[in-house]
Amino acid sequence: MSMDRIRLLLRIERLRKRLNETNPEDRDELQAISRRLDRLIVQFLRGPGGVTCRANLCGYSMENYGK
């Protein structure tokens, strides 16, 4: 795994931890962190060595995944 992907994973983990530590009543902050986290996860999945399509991301039902 490249250093860039490792750094990206570390950013994802830090942001995930921050999301979990955020006050549940602060909906605006939760939403902002969640959106940033979503973007990082997509960036990771689309990067080198990642996946371009997963069943749940491409609109396929899990019944047909892998067939």
Protein backbone atom coordinates (compact mmCIF):
# COMPACT_ATOMS: atom_id res chain seq x y z
CA MET A 1 0.00 0.00 0.00
CA SER A 2 1.38 3.40 -0.95
CA MET A 3 2.13 6.12 1.57
CA ASP A 4 -0.65 8.25 0.07
CA ARG A 5 -3.21 5.51 0.73
CA ILE A 6 -1.88 5.03 4.25
CA ARG A 7 -2.18 8.78 4.89
CA LEU A 8 -5.71 8.71 3.52
CA LEU A 9 -6.62 5.83 5.84
CA LEU A 10 -5.20 7.76 8.79
CA ARG A 11 -7.26 10.82 7.83
CA ILE A 12 -10.37 8.62 7.58
CA GLU A 13 -9.70 7.11 10.99
CA ARG A 14 -9.09 10.50 12.65
CA LEU A 15 -12.26 11.93 11.13
CA ARG A 16 -14.26 8.84 12.12
CA LYS A 17 -13.04 9.25 15.68
CA ARG A 18 -13.96 12.94 15.63
CA LEU A 19 -17.43 12.07 14.32
CA ASN A 20 -17.94 9.61 17.17
CA GLU A 21 -16.80 12.18 19.74
CA THR A 22 -19.03 14.98 18.43
CA ASN A 23 -22.01 16.02 20.50
CA PRO A 24 -25.06 14.21 19.04
CA GLU A 25 -27.11 17.38 19.42
CA ASP A 26 -24.77 19.33 17.13
CA ARG A 27 -26.41 18.15 13.93
CA ASP A 28 -24.71 20.69 11.67
CA GLU A 29 -21.25 19.61 12.84
CA LEU A 30 -22.18 15.92 12.55
CA GLN A 31 -23.41 16.43 9.02
CA ALA A 32 -20.31 18.39 7.99
CA ILE A 33 -17.95 15.76 9.40
CA SER A 34 -20.00 12.94 7.89
CA ARG A 35 -19.84 14.51 4.43
CA ARG A 36 -16.08 14.98 4.67
CA LEU A 37 -15.72 11.39 5.80
CA ASP A 38 -17.87 10.17 2.90
CA ARG A 39 -15.67 12.03 0.41
CA LEU A 40 -12.50 10.55 1.88
CA ILE A 41 -13.92 7.03 1.81
CA VAL A 42 -14.95 7.42 -1.84
CA GLN A 43 -11.49 8.80 -2.64
CA PHE A 44 -9.93 5.78 -0.95
CA LEU A 45 -12.18 3.30 -2.75
CA ARG A 46 -11.56 4.87 -6.15
CA GLY A 47 -7.81 5.18 -5.70
CA PRO A 48 -5.11 2.80 -6.91
CA GLY A 49 -5.75 -0.65 -5.54
CA GLY A 50 -9.28 0.32 -4.59
CA VAL A 51 -12.53 -0.73 -6.14
CA THR A 52 -14.44 1.04 -8.85
CA CYS A 53 -17.79 -0.50 -8.07
CA ARG A 54 -19.35 -2.23 -5.11
CA ALA A 55 -22.84 -3.65 -5.21
CA ASN A 56 -24.28 -1.13 -2.77
CA LEU A 57 -22.56 1.83 -4.48
CA CYS A 58 -23.72 0.97 -8.00
CA GLY A 59 -27.37 0.25 -7.35
CA TYR A 60 -27.22 -3.53 -7.57
CA SER A 61 -28.97 -5.69 -5.05
CA MET A 62 -26.75 -7.86 -2.89
CA GLU A 63 -28.54 -10.93 -4.28
CA ASN A 64 -26.91 -10.36 -7.66
CA TYR A 65 -23.50 -9.33 -6.33
CA GLY A 66 -20.78 -11.61 -7.62
CA LYS A 67 -23.00 -13.45 -10.12
